[in-house]
N, C-alpha and C. Protein backbone atom coordinates (compact mmCIF):
# COMPACT_ATOMS: atom_id res chain seq x y z
N MET A 1 0.23 -46.55 15.18
CA MET A 1 0.34 -44.97 15.46
C MET A 1 1.43 -44.76 16.14
N ILE A 2 2.36 -43.70 15.70
CA ILE A 2 3.39 -43.09 16.28
C ILE A 2 3.09 -42.04 17.21
N THR A 3 3.57 -42.10 18.33
CA THR A 3 3.50 -41.18 19.51
C THR A 3 4.47 -40.25 19.69
N LEU A 4 4.17 -39.28 19.95
CA LEU A 4 5.39 -38.16 20.20
C LEU A 4 5.29 -37.34 21.31
N ASP A 5 6.18 -37.04 21.99
CA ASP A 5 6.17 -36.10 23.22
C ASP A 5 6.80 -34.86 22.90
N PRO A 6 6.07 -33.67 22.64
CA PRO A 6 6.91 -32.28 22.15
C PRO A 6 8.09 -32.02 23.00
N THR A 7 8.00 -32.44 24.24
CA THR A 7 9.12 -31.97 25.12
C THR A 7 10.40 -32.82 24.55
N GLU A 8 10.19 -33.68 24.05
CA GLU A 8 11.49 -34.72 23.40
C GLU A 8 11.93 -34.46 22.02
N LEU A 9 11.16 -33.52 21.33
CA LEU A 9 11.57 -33.14 20.07
C LEU A 9 12.53 -32.01 19.97
N ARG A 10 13.52 -31.85 18.87
CA ARG A 10 14.14 -30.81 18.81
C ARG A 10 13.38 -29.47 18.04
N GLY A 11 13.63 -28.29 18.43
CA GLY A 11 12.75 -27.43 17.79
C GLY A 11 12.52 -27.51 16.18
N LYS A 12 13.69 -27.75 15.63
CA LYS A 12 13.69 -28.02 14.19
C LYS A 12 12.65 -29.02 13.68
N ASP A 13 12.73 -30.25 14.73
CA ASP A 13 11.66 -31.15 14.26
C ASP A 13 10.51 -31.05 14.31
N MET A 14 10.13 -30.17 15.68
CA MET A 14 8.71 -29.83 15.93
C MET A 14 8.10 -28.80 14.69
N TYR A 15 9.16 -28.02 14.12
CA TYR A 15 8.64 -27.03 13.07
C TYR A 15 8.26 -27.84 11.84
N LYS A 16 9.18 -28.68 11.55
CA LYS A 16 8.89 -29.35 10.47
C LYS A 16 7.65 -30.33 10.51
N LEU A 17 7.36 -30.90 11.63
CA LEU A 17 6.21 -31.51 11.94
C LEU A 17 4.85 -30.84 11.75
N LEU A 18 4.95 -29.74 12.45
CA LEU A 18 3.72 -28.74 12.46
C LEU A 18 3.49 -28.47 10.97
N THR A 19 4.64 -27.73 10.41
CA THR A 19 4.29 -27.17 8.99
C THR A 19 4.14 -28.07 8.02
N GLY A 20 4.23 -29.55 8.32
CA GLY A 20 3.81 -30.45 7.26
C GLY A 20 2.55 -31.03 7.67
N SER A 21 2.24 -30.75 8.76
CA SER A 21 0.88 -31.39 9.02
C SER A 21 -0.19 -30.23 9.05
N ILE A 22 0.06 -29.16 9.55
CA ILE A 22 -0.81 -28.08 9.45
C ILE A 22 -1.02 -27.47 8.06
N VAL A 23 -1.59 -27.98 7.09
CA VAL A 23 -1.68 -27.50 5.79
C VAL A 23 -2.96 -27.67 5.01
N PRO A 24 -3.27 -27.07 3.97
CA PRO A 24 -2.41 -26.00 3.49
C PRO A 24 -2.64 -24.56 4.24
N ARG A 25 -1.62 -23.85 4.22
CA ARG A 25 -1.69 -22.44 5.11
C ARG A 25 -1.69 -21.27 4.09
N PRO A 26 -2.81 -20.45 4.18
CA PRO A 26 -2.66 -19.09 3.57
C PRO A 26 -1.54 -18.27 3.67
N ILE A 27 -1.09 -17.64 2.74
CA ILE A 27 0.13 -16.62 2.71
C ILE A 27 -0.11 -15.47 2.77
N ALA A 28 0.24 -14.56 3.75
CA ALA A 28 0.19 -13.09 3.95
C ALA A 28 1.25 -12.62 3.21
N PHE A 29 1.12 -11.59 2.53
CA PHE A 29 2.07 -10.79 1.71
C PHE A 29 2.04 -9.31 2.41
N VAL A 30 2.81 -9.10 3.23
CA VAL A 30 2.77 -7.99 4.12
C VAL A 30 3.58 -6.82 3.66
N THR A 31 3.18 -5.55 3.71
CA THR A 31 3.90 -4.37 3.49
C THR A 31 3.93 -3.39 4.74
N THR A 32 5.17 -2.81 5.06
CA THR A 32 5.27 -1.96 6.05
C THR A 32 6.21 -0.95 5.86
N THR A 33 6.10 0.10 6.61
CA THR A 33 7.21 1.18 6.52
C THR A 33 8.27 0.95 7.48
N SER A 34 9.56 1.04 6.92
CA SER A 34 10.91 0.85 7.56
C SER A 34 10.94 1.97 8.58
N THR A 35 11.13 1.66 9.81
CA THR A 35 11.49 2.49 10.94
C THR A 35 12.84 3.13 10.82
N VAL A 36 13.48 2.41 10.01
CA VAL A 36 14.95 3.02 9.87
C VAL A 36 15.09 4.24 8.87
N ASN A 37 14.63 4.19 7.74
CA ASN A 37 14.59 5.34 6.38
C ASN A 37 13.23 5.32 5.74
N GLY A 38 12.14 4.74 6.29
CA GLY A 38 10.92 4.86 5.32
C GLY A 38 10.89 4.08 4.16
N ALA A 39 11.70 3.16 4.07
CA ALA A 39 11.69 2.21 3.06
C ALA A 39 10.50 1.54 3.04
N ILE A 40 9.94 0.83 1.91
CA ILE A 40 8.71 -0.06 1.99
C ILE A 40 9.14 -1.54 2.25
N ASN A 41 9.12 -1.90 3.38
CA ASN A 41 9.56 -3.60 3.29
C ASN A 41 8.18 -4.46 3.00
N ALA A 42 8.69 -5.64 2.60
CA ALA A 42 7.77 -6.49 2.14
C ALA A 42 8.23 -8.03 2.35
N ALA A 43 7.22 -8.86 2.89
CA ALA A 43 7.58 -10.14 3.22
C ALA A 43 6.42 -10.94 3.25
N PRO A 44 6.48 -12.45 2.94
CA PRO A 44 5.47 -13.29 2.99
C PRO A 44 5.52 -14.15 4.56
N PHE A 45 4.41 -14.45 5.04
CA PHE A 45 4.03 -14.99 6.20
C PHE A 45 3.03 -16.19 6.09
N SER A 46 3.46 -17.48 6.42
CA SER A 46 2.38 -18.42 6.45
C SER A 46 1.72 -18.82 7.68
N PHE A 47 2.26 -18.05 8.82
CA PHE A 47 1.37 -18.54 10.11
C PHE A 47 0.62 -17.20 10.04
N PHE A 48 -0.69 -17.28 9.42
CA PHE A 48 -1.48 -16.26 9.18
C PHE A 48 -2.97 -16.68 9.07
N ASN A 49 -4.01 -16.08 9.72
CA ASN A 49 -5.19 -16.41 9.48
C ASN A 49 -6.39 -15.39 10.23
N VAL A 50 -7.42 -15.83 9.80
CA VAL A 50 -8.54 -14.85 10.14
C VAL A 50 -8.91 -15.18 11.83
N VAL A 51 -9.04 -13.99 12.59
CA VAL A 51 -9.27 -14.12 14.05
C VAL A 51 -11.09 -14.04 14.26
N SER A 52 -11.55 -12.87 13.34
CA SER A 52 -12.94 -12.62 13.62
C SER A 52 -13.20 -11.80 12.45
N SER A 53 -14.72 -11.77 12.21
CA SER A 53 -15.42 -11.00 11.13
C SER A 53 -15.78 -9.87 11.77
N ASP A 54 -16.30 -9.84 13.28
CA ASP A 54 -16.94 -8.77 13.79
C ASP A 54 -16.23 -8.52 15.18
N PRO A 55 -15.41 -7.74 15.34
CA PRO A 55 -14.55 -6.83 14.55
C PRO A 55 -13.71 -7.72 13.58
N PRO A 56 -13.45 -6.88 12.34
CA PRO A 56 -12.52 -7.74 11.28
C PRO A 56 -10.95 -7.74 11.69
N LEU A 57 -10.80 -8.80 12.26
CA LEU A 57 -9.29 -8.99 12.76
C LEU A 57 -8.72 -10.19 12.06
N ILE A 58 -7.35 -9.95 11.91
CA ILE A 58 -6.58 -11.14 11.25
C ILE A 58 -5.19 -11.29 12.08
N SER A 59 -4.54 -12.43 11.96
CA SER A 59 -3.37 -12.72 13.03
C SER A 59 -2.11 -13.01 12.10
N LEU A 60 -0.98 -12.52 12.52
CA LEU A 60 0.47 -13.01 11.90
C LEU A 60 1.38 -13.38 13.03
N SER A 61 1.85 -14.53 12.89
CA SER A 61 2.83 -15.02 13.93
C SER A 61 4.19 -14.74 13.15
N ILE A 62 4.91 -13.92 13.80
CA ILE A 62 6.41 -13.64 12.87
C ILE A 62 7.49 -14.11 13.87
N GLY A 63 8.23 -15.15 13.43
CA GLY A 63 9.20 -15.62 14.28
C GLY A 63 10.32 -14.66 14.29
N ARG A 64 11.08 -14.60 15.50
CA ARG A 64 12.37 -13.88 15.65
C ARG A 64 13.48 -14.54 15.23
N ARG A 65 14.62 -13.77 14.62
CA ARG A 65 15.71 -14.37 14.34
C ARG A 65 16.65 -14.86 15.71
N LYS A 66 17.63 -15.60 15.34
CA LYS A 66 18.41 -15.87 16.53
C LYS A 66 18.92 -14.67 17.51
N GLY A 67 18.96 -14.70 18.58
CA GLY A 67 19.33 -13.68 19.66
C GLY A 67 18.03 -12.78 19.73
N SER A 68 16.85 -13.28 19.44
CA SER A 68 15.61 -12.63 19.87
C SER A 68 15.43 -11.52 18.99
N THR A 69 16.29 -11.27 17.97
CA THR A 69 16.00 -10.04 17.04
C THR A 69 14.66 -9.99 16.12
N MET A 70 13.97 -8.82 16.36
CA MET A 70 12.68 -8.67 15.59
C MET A 70 12.98 -8.78 14.09
N LYS A 71 11.93 -9.20 13.34
CA LYS A 71 11.98 -9.05 12.06
C LYS A 71 11.47 -7.76 11.60
N ASP A 72 11.84 -7.24 10.26
CA ASP A 72 11.49 -5.93 10.01
C ASP A 72 10.00 -5.80 10.02
N THR A 73 9.43 -6.65 9.35
CA THR A 73 7.82 -6.62 9.41
C THR A 73 7.16 -6.23 10.84
N ALA A 74 7.58 -7.10 11.62
CA ALA A 74 7.14 -7.00 13.16
C ALA A 74 7.47 -5.65 13.67
N ARG A 75 8.75 -5.40 13.76
CA ARG A 75 9.19 -4.02 14.09
C ARG A 75 8.51 -2.89 13.68
N ASN A 76 8.37 -2.84 12.29
CA ASN A 76 7.66 -1.68 11.75
C ASN A 76 6.26 -1.75 11.96
N ALA A 77 5.66 -2.73 12.06
CA ALA A 77 4.21 -2.64 12.35
C ALA A 77 3.88 -2.23 13.77
N ILE A 78 4.86 -2.78 14.70
CA ILE A 78 4.51 -2.34 16.18
C ILE A 78 4.88 -0.99 16.48
N LYS A 79 5.86 -0.39 15.92
CA LYS A 79 6.33 0.84 15.87
C LYS A 79 5.36 1.75 15.39
N ASN A 80 4.91 1.56 13.86
CA ASN A 80 4.30 2.44 13.34
C ASN A 80 2.54 2.29 13.45
N GLY A 81 2.41 0.90 13.82
CA GLY A 81 0.81 0.76 13.93
C GLY A 81 0.10 0.51 12.87
N GLU A 82 0.72 0.27 11.55
CA GLU A 82 0.06 0.12 10.60
C GLU A 82 0.70 -1.00 9.61
N LEU A 83 -0.09 -1.60 8.71
CA LEU A 83 0.42 -2.62 7.83
C LEU A 83 -0.59 -2.97 6.58
N VAL A 84 -0.18 -3.44 5.60
CA VAL A 84 -1.13 -3.81 4.55
C VAL A 84 -0.98 -5.29 4.41
N VAL A 85 -1.98 -6.10 4.34
CA VAL A 85 -1.81 -7.36 4.21
C VAL A 85 -2.41 -7.79 2.84
N HIS A 86 -1.83 -8.63 1.98
CA HIS A 86 -2.20 -8.89 0.68
C HIS A 86 -2.39 -10.57 0.52
N ILE A 87 -3.37 -10.94 -0.01
CA ILE A 87 -3.70 -12.42 -0.39
C ILE A 87 -2.68 -12.97 -1.53
N SER A 88 -1.65 -13.90 -1.17
CA SER A 88 -0.65 -14.27 -2.15
C SER A 88 -1.68 -15.17 -3.42
N THR A 89 -1.33 -14.79 -4.69
CA THR A 89 -1.92 -15.40 -5.67
C THR A 89 -1.04 -16.09 -6.64
N GLU A 90 -1.60 -17.00 -7.43
CA GLU A 90 -0.61 -17.54 -8.54
C GLU A 90 0.29 -16.68 -9.36
N ASP A 91 -0.40 -15.63 -9.90
CA ASP A 91 0.20 -14.66 -10.74
C ASP A 91 1.29 -13.75 -10.20
N ILE A 92 1.46 -13.82 -8.70
CA ILE A 92 2.49 -12.97 -8.34
C ILE A 92 3.30 -13.67 -7.13
N ILE A 93 3.00 -14.99 -7.13
CA ILE A 93 3.87 -15.90 -5.96
C ILE A 93 5.36 -15.71 -6.33
N GLU A 94 5.90 -15.69 -7.38
CA GLU A 94 7.35 -15.88 -7.57
C GLU A 94 7.91 -14.55 -7.24
N ASP A 95 7.12 -13.49 -7.56
CA ASP A 95 7.74 -12.29 -7.07
C ASP A 95 7.48 -12.23 -5.50
N ILE A 96 6.54 -12.48 -4.96
CA ILE A 96 6.50 -12.75 -3.41
C ILE A 96 7.58 -13.52 -2.80
N ASN A 97 8.02 -14.58 -3.39
CA ASN A 97 9.05 -15.58 -2.85
C ASN A 97 10.25 -14.92 -2.87
N GLU A 98 10.58 -13.89 -3.90
CA GLU A 98 11.75 -13.24 -3.82
C GLU A 98 12.03 -12.18 -2.69
N THR A 99 10.72 -11.85 -2.17
CA THR A 99 10.89 -10.87 -1.02
C THR A 99 11.27 -11.53 0.19
N ALA A 100 11.33 -12.78 0.30
CA ALA A 100 11.82 -13.58 1.58
C ALA A 100 13.41 -13.32 1.72
N THR A 101 14.00 -12.78 0.83
CA THR A 101 15.26 -12.55 0.91
C THR A 101 15.79 -11.89 2.19
N LEU A 102 16.61 -12.16 2.72
CA LEU A 102 17.09 -11.21 3.98
C LEU A 102 17.88 -9.90 3.63
N LEU A 103 17.28 -8.75 3.69
CA LEU A 103 17.99 -7.45 3.30
C LEU A 103 18.09 -6.68 4.62
N PRO A 104 18.92 -5.61 4.58
CA PRO A 104 19.13 -4.75 5.65
C PRO A 104 17.50 -3.80 5.69
N ALA A 105 17.25 -3.40 6.81
CA ALA A 105 16.17 -2.69 6.95
C ALA A 105 15.84 -1.36 6.13
N ALA A 106 16.93 -0.97 5.72
CA ALA A 106 16.98 0.20 4.97
C ALA A 106 16.58 0.03 3.45
N ARG A 107 16.63 -1.19 3.12
CA ARG A 107 16.29 -1.60 1.65
C ARG A 107 15.00 -2.23 1.45
N SER A 108 14.25 -1.99 0.33
CA SER A 108 13.09 -2.38 0.16
C SER A 108 13.11 -3.67 -0.68
N GLU A 109 12.64 -4.92 -0.16
CA GLU A 109 12.55 -6.06 -0.86
C GLU A 109 11.81 -6.06 -2.25
N LEU A 110 11.01 -5.14 -2.45
CA LEU A 110 10.27 -4.91 -3.65
C LEU A 110 11.32 -4.54 -4.77
N GLU A 111 12.51 -4.13 -4.52
CA GLU A 111 13.70 -3.89 -5.50
C GLU A 111 14.10 -5.15 -6.32
N LEU A 112 13.67 -6.30 -5.73
CA LEU A 112 13.96 -7.59 -6.20
C LEU A 112 12.91 -7.97 -7.06
N THR A 113 11.76 -7.41 -7.21
CA THR A 113 10.62 -7.84 -7.77
C THR A 113 10.04 -7.07 -8.98
N GLY A 114 8.99 -7.43 -9.63
CA GLY A 114 8.55 -6.39 -10.64
C GLY A 114 7.11 -5.99 -10.27
N LEU A 115 7.03 -5.99 -8.98
CA LEU A 115 5.71 -5.31 -8.29
C LEU A 115 5.78 -3.90 -8.17
N ASN A 116 4.49 -3.26 -8.01
CA ASN A 116 4.61 -1.82 -7.97
C ASN A 116 3.78 -1.59 -6.69
N ILE A 117 3.90 -0.60 -6.29
CA ILE A 117 3.26 0.09 -4.95
C ILE A 117 2.09 1.04 -5.41
N VAL A 118 0.88 0.99 -4.54
CA VAL A 118 -0.34 1.95 -4.72
C VAL A 118 -0.65 2.45 -3.46
N GLU A 119 -0.87 3.85 -3.48
CA GLU A 119 -1.23 4.63 -2.27
C GLU A 119 -2.61 3.96 -1.50
N SER A 120 -2.47 3.71 -0.19
CA SER A 120 -3.53 3.39 0.53
C SER A 120 -4.66 4.37 0.87
N THR A 121 -5.73 4.01 1.26
CA THR A 121 -6.67 5.03 1.68
C THR A 121 -6.68 5.38 2.94
N LYS A 122 -6.48 4.58 4.13
CA LYS A 122 -6.84 4.88 5.43
C LYS A 122 -5.30 4.76 6.15
N VAL A 123 -4.31 4.13 5.62
CA VAL A 123 -3.18 3.99 6.28
C VAL A 123 -1.95 4.46 5.37
N SER A 124 -1.08 4.81 5.92
CA SER A 124 0.15 5.60 5.40
C SER A 124 1.09 4.47 4.58
N VAL A 125 0.87 3.24 4.92
CA VAL A 125 1.60 2.12 4.22
C VAL A 125 1.05 1.77 2.91
N PRO A 126 1.78 1.96 1.74
CA PRO A 126 1.42 1.61 0.27
C PRO A 126 1.00 0.14 0.36
N GLY A 127 0.21 -0.25 -0.70
CA GLY A 127 -0.15 -1.53 -1.01
C GLY A 127 0.72 -1.98 -2.05
N ILE A 128 0.31 -3.53 -2.49
CA ILE A 128 1.03 -3.67 -3.79
C ILE A 128 -0.19 -3.88 -5.10
N LEU A 129 0.10 -3.09 -6.07
CA LEU A 129 -0.87 -2.76 -7.13
C LEU A 129 -1.30 -3.97 -7.63
N GLU A 130 -0.50 -5.01 -8.17
CA GLU A 130 -1.02 -6.37 -8.52
C GLU A 130 -1.84 -7.05 -7.71
N ALA A 131 -1.68 -6.93 -6.58
CA ALA A 131 -2.43 -7.95 -5.67
C ALA A 131 -3.99 -7.85 -5.88
N LYS A 132 -4.70 -9.00 -5.77
CA LYS A 132 -6.11 -8.85 -6.20
C LYS A 132 -6.75 -8.64 -4.91
N VAL A 133 -6.46 -9.07 -3.88
CA VAL A 133 -6.82 -8.61 -2.38
C VAL A 133 -5.94 -8.01 -1.54
N ARG A 134 -6.32 -6.82 -0.95
CA ARG A 134 -5.31 -6.24 -0.10
C ARG A 134 -6.27 -5.49 1.25
N PHE A 135 -5.64 -5.85 2.22
CA PHE A 135 -6.41 -5.21 3.33
C PHE A 135 -5.59 -4.16 4.12
N GLU A 136 -6.01 -3.01 4.20
CA GLU A 136 -5.33 -2.03 4.89
C GLU A 136 -5.59 -2.23 6.61
N CYS A 137 -4.58 -2.23 7.36
CA CYS A 137 -4.74 -2.69 8.69
C CYS A 137 -4.14 -1.78 9.68
N LYS A 138 -4.62 -1.62 10.58
CA LYS A 138 -3.94 -1.12 11.98
C LYS A 138 -3.78 -2.18 13.17
N LEU A 139 -2.87 -1.96 13.73
CA LEU A 139 -2.28 -2.99 14.74
C LEU A 139 -3.34 -2.95 15.96
N GLU A 140 -3.97 -3.98 16.28
CA GLU A 140 -4.74 -4.01 17.45
C GLU A 140 -4.20 -4.66 18.71
N GLN A 141 -3.31 -5.52 18.52
CA GLN A 141 -2.69 -6.29 19.63
C GLN A 141 -1.14 -6.93 19.22
N HIS A 142 -0.34 -6.58 20.18
CA HIS A 142 1.05 -7.40 20.03
C HIS A 142 1.23 -8.19 21.25
N HIS A 143 1.62 -9.35 21.12
CA HIS A 143 1.83 -10.40 22.19
C HIS A 143 3.21 -10.95 21.94
N GLU A 144 4.16 -10.91 22.96
CA GLU A 144 5.52 -11.47 22.83
C GLU A 144 5.18 -13.25 23.21
N ILE A 145 5.58 -14.17 22.35
CA ILE A 145 5.49 -15.49 22.66
C ILE A 145 6.88 -16.14 23.17
N LYS A 146 7.16 -16.65 24.32
CA LYS A 146 8.13 -17.02 24.81
C LYS A 146 8.36 -18.57 24.80
N ASN A 147 9.40 -19.19 24.74
CA ASN A 147 9.69 -20.52 24.90
C ASN A 147 9.55 -21.04 26.23
N ASP A 148 9.88 -22.39 26.59
CA ASP A 148 10.14 -22.88 27.79
C ASP A 148 11.18 -22.35 28.70
N PRO A 149 12.27 -22.15 28.06
CA PRO A 149 13.28 -21.21 28.85
C PRO A 149 13.26 -19.85 28.95
N GLY A 150 12.15 -19.19 28.35
CA GLY A 150 11.94 -17.67 28.63
C GLY A 150 12.42 -16.81 27.65
N ASP A 151 12.94 -17.30 26.68
CA ASP A 151 13.09 -16.56 25.52
C ASP A 151 12.25 -16.16 24.61
N THR A 152 12.22 -14.92 24.27
CA THR A 152 10.91 -14.48 23.26
C THR A 152 11.49 -15.08 21.76
N VAL A 153 10.67 -15.89 21.21
CA VAL A 153 10.84 -16.35 20.04
C VAL A 153 9.93 -15.89 18.78
N LEU A 154 8.85 -15.25 19.12
CA LEU A 154 7.91 -14.86 17.98
C LEU A 154 7.01 -13.71 18.64
N ASP A 155 6.79 -12.60 17.65
CA ASP A 155 5.89 -11.73 17.71
C ASP A 155 4.46 -12.11 17.10
N PHE A 156 3.46 -12.21 18.26
CA PHE A 156 2.06 -12.54 17.58
C PHE A 156 1.14 -11.29 17.37
N LEU A 157 0.94 -10.84 16.29
CA LEU A 157 0.26 -9.77 15.96
C LEU A 157 -1.39 -9.99 15.57
N ILE A 158 -2.20 -9.08 16.13
CA ILE A 158 -3.60 -9.08 15.70
C ILE A 158 -3.73 -7.65 15.14
N ALA A 159 -4.15 -7.71 14.03
CA ALA A 159 -4.55 -6.46 13.08
C ALA A 159 -5.83 -6.39 12.85
N ARG A 160 -6.54 -4.96 12.97
CA ARG A 160 -7.83 -4.88 12.58
C ARG A 160 -7.83 -4.21 10.92
N ILE A 161 -8.72 -4.88 10.13
CA ILE A 161 -8.84 -4.46 8.68
C ILE A 161 -9.57 -3.01 8.86
N VAL A 162 -8.96 -1.93 8.27
CA VAL A 162 -9.85 -0.80 8.28
C VAL A 162 -10.16 -0.38 6.97
N TYR A 163 -9.62 -1.10 5.68
CA TYR A 163 -10.10 -0.79 4.63
C TYR A 163 -9.69 -1.83 3.66
N ILE A 164 -10.54 -2.16 2.63
CA ILE A 164 -10.33 -3.31 1.80
C ILE A 164 -10.34 -2.98 0.17
N HIS A 165 -9.55 -3.64 -0.47
CA HIS A 165 -9.52 -3.45 -2.14
C HIS A 165 -9.39 -4.84 -2.53
N MET A 166 -10.44 -4.81 -3.39
CA MET A 166 -10.89 -6.21 -4.22
C MET A 166 -10.72 -6.12 -5.65
N ASP A 167 -10.17 -6.82 -6.40
CA ASP A 167 -10.05 -6.88 -7.91
C ASP A 167 -11.68 -7.23 -8.28
N GLU A 168 -12.23 -6.67 -9.17
CA GLU A 168 -13.55 -6.76 -9.55
C GLU A 168 -13.83 -8.34 -10.29
N LYS A 169 -12.79 -8.88 -10.57
CA LYS A 169 -12.78 -10.14 -10.96
C LYS A 169 -13.01 -11.30 -9.97
N VAL A 170 -12.64 -10.87 -8.91
CA VAL A 170 -12.72 -11.69 -7.59
C VAL A 170 -13.78 -11.41 -6.49
N TYR A 171 -14.57 -10.51 -6.83
CA TYR A 171 -15.67 -10.04 -5.84
C TYR A 171 -16.85 -9.66 -6.43
N ASP A 172 -18.15 -10.16 -5.80
CA ASP A 172 -19.36 -9.58 -6.30
C ASP A 172 -19.90 -8.79 -5.09
N PRO A 173 -19.85 -7.53 -5.11
CA PRO A 173 -20.39 -6.50 -4.46
C PRO A 173 -21.77 -6.88 -4.00
N GLN A 174 -22.68 -7.30 -5.06
CA GLN A 174 -23.92 -7.23 -4.74
C GLN A 174 -24.40 -8.37 -3.96
N LYS A 175 -23.68 -9.52 -4.03
CA LYS A 175 -23.84 -10.69 -3.21
C LYS A 175 -23.01 -10.93 -1.95
N GLY A 176 -22.11 -10.35 -2.18
CA GLY A 176 -20.81 -10.48 -1.25
C GLY A 176 -19.98 -11.67 -1.41
N TYR A 177 -19.93 -12.24 -2.44
CA TYR A 177 -19.18 -13.42 -2.80
C TYR A 177 -17.79 -13.15 -3.37
N VAL A 178 -16.76 -13.97 -2.82
CA VAL A 178 -15.57 -14.02 -3.46
C VAL A 178 -15.37 -15.31 -4.38
N PHE A 179 -15.03 -14.83 -5.77
CA PHE A 179 -14.78 -15.90 -6.58
C PHE A 179 -13.49 -16.39 -6.24
N THR A 180 -13.41 -17.54 -5.63
CA THR A 180 -11.84 -18.18 -5.29
C THR A 180 -11.46 -18.78 -6.53
N GLU A 181 -12.17 -19.23 -7.43
CA GLU A 181 -11.38 -19.63 -8.76
C GLU A 181 -10.81 -18.64 -9.68
N ASN A 182 -11.10 -17.46 -9.47
CA ASN A 182 -10.68 -16.40 -10.08
C ASN A 182 -9.52 -15.81 -9.27
N LEU A 183 -9.64 -15.75 -7.88
CA LEU A 183 -8.58 -15.40 -7.07
C LEU A 183 -7.35 -16.18 -7.34
N ARG A 184 -7.42 -17.48 -7.23
CA ARG A 184 -6.36 -18.51 -7.50
C ARG A 184 -5.23 -18.23 -6.38
N PRO A 185 -5.71 -18.56 -5.03
CA PRO A 185 -4.67 -18.26 -4.12
C PRO A 185 -3.79 -19.46 -3.92
N VAL A 186 -2.68 -18.99 -3.51
CA VAL A 186 -1.40 -20.05 -3.23
C VAL A 186 -1.29 -20.30 -1.57
N ALA A 187 -1.21 -21.51 -1.26
CA ALA A 187 -1.10 -22.05 -0.09
C ALA A 187 0.42 -22.58 0.23
N ARG A 188 0.68 -22.50 1.54
CA ARG A 188 2.09 -23.14 2.01
C ARG A 188 2.08 -24.42 2.41
N LEU A 189 2.84 -25.33 2.08
CA LEU A 189 2.93 -26.59 2.72
C LEU A 189 4.25 -26.79 3.39
N ALA A 190 4.92 -27.94 3.32
CA ALA A 190 6.13 -27.92 3.98
C ALA A 190 7.34 -27.52 3.22
N GLY A 191 8.52 -27.22 3.98
CA GLY A 191 9.83 -26.97 3.03
C GLY A 191 9.85 -26.02 2.27
N SER A 192 9.98 -26.38 0.91
CA SER A 192 9.78 -25.41 -0.31
C SER A 192 8.49 -25.64 -1.04
N GLU A 193 7.64 -26.18 -0.59
CA GLU A 193 6.44 -26.67 -1.41
C GLU A 193 5.19 -25.78 -1.16
N TYR A 194 4.54 -25.52 -2.22
CA TYR A 194 3.53 -24.69 -2.18
C TYR A 194 2.33 -25.42 -3.06
N ALA A 195 1.21 -25.00 -2.72
CA ALA A 195 0.06 -25.68 -3.61
C ALA A 195 -0.95 -24.53 -4.17
N GLU A 196 -1.48 -25.00 -5.38
CA GLU A 196 -2.46 -24.05 -5.88
C GLU A 196 -3.83 -24.77 -5.67
N LEU A 197 -4.86 -23.93 -6.02
CA LEU A 197 -6.32 -24.40 -5.68
C LEU A 197 -6.70 -25.57 -6.50
N GLY A 198 -6.95 -26.64 -5.87
CA GLY A 198 -7.53 -27.93 -6.60
C GLY A 198 -8.96 -28.10 -6.77
N LYS A 199 -9.30 -29.39 -6.40
CA LYS A 199 -10.76 -29.60 -6.36
C LYS A 199 -11.63 -28.83 -5.58
N VAL A 200 -12.59 -28.38 -6.00
CA VAL A 200 -13.66 -27.68 -4.86
C VAL A 200 -14.95 -28.40 -4.96
N TYR A 201 -15.50 -28.54 -3.66
CA TYR A 201 -16.49 -29.19 -3.36
C TYR A 201 -17.26 -28.78 -2.25
N SER A 202 -18.65 -28.88 -2.04
CA SER A 202 -19.50 -28.36 -1.02
C SER A 202 -19.92 -29.59 -0.21
N LEU A 203 -19.97 -29.19 1.25
CA LEU A 203 -20.80 -30.15 2.07
C LEU A 203 -21.86 -29.47 2.98
N ILE A 204 -22.73 -29.84 2.95
CA ILE A 204 -23.91 -29.31 3.94
C ILE A 204 -23.63 -29.36 5.31
N ARG A 205 -23.46 -28.37 6.19
CA ARG A 205 -23.10 -28.65 7.55
C ARG A 205 -24.46 -28.99 8.12
N PRO A 206 -24.39 -29.83 9.13
CA PRO A 206 -25.74 -30.27 10.01
C PRO A 206 -26.14 -29.15 10.70
N GLU A 207 -27.41 -29.02 11.03
CA GLU A 207 -27.90 -28.12 11.89
C GLU A 207 -27.72 -28.38 13.48
């Protein structure tokens, strides 16, 4: 067994270790409204998960650029208090990947894709028409995460889901079931690797 002390690892090595070990990770595809000129910014984030079902809360960890500069998504969500979170799926993952390109805040990453926007119901930020699942959200909490020297390195956002849009092929409203095999979510692995849905099986949890 290899043993490692986190304090002795370089930041890049710790990142590679964690992103290679904590897999697969769901990918949030997030739209926000730019604080610069109202453009629709879009970007994927794999440090993403559910926090609570009651209340319905999800979390996003958005790393800062060198010099502690906020990324557009974090700045927009914090300033405007709204965002739309989409589940990344096989049919749109290549377009989603294009939005990871670094662009000025005044430009929309959606210009690089074939994706279309659709008006939201309870927030001003539009969603992505082609997404099978989208959550309209309002910012619930924002926490600045600092490293040991005291530098702010990421923005941790907790967002409350205020409205939900589900493709009829992936959701049964009568039983409340999500058909994962129809959703076809994509997960993030390490480096440039992604994973699609593989073998699905059930285990009965002990009482």
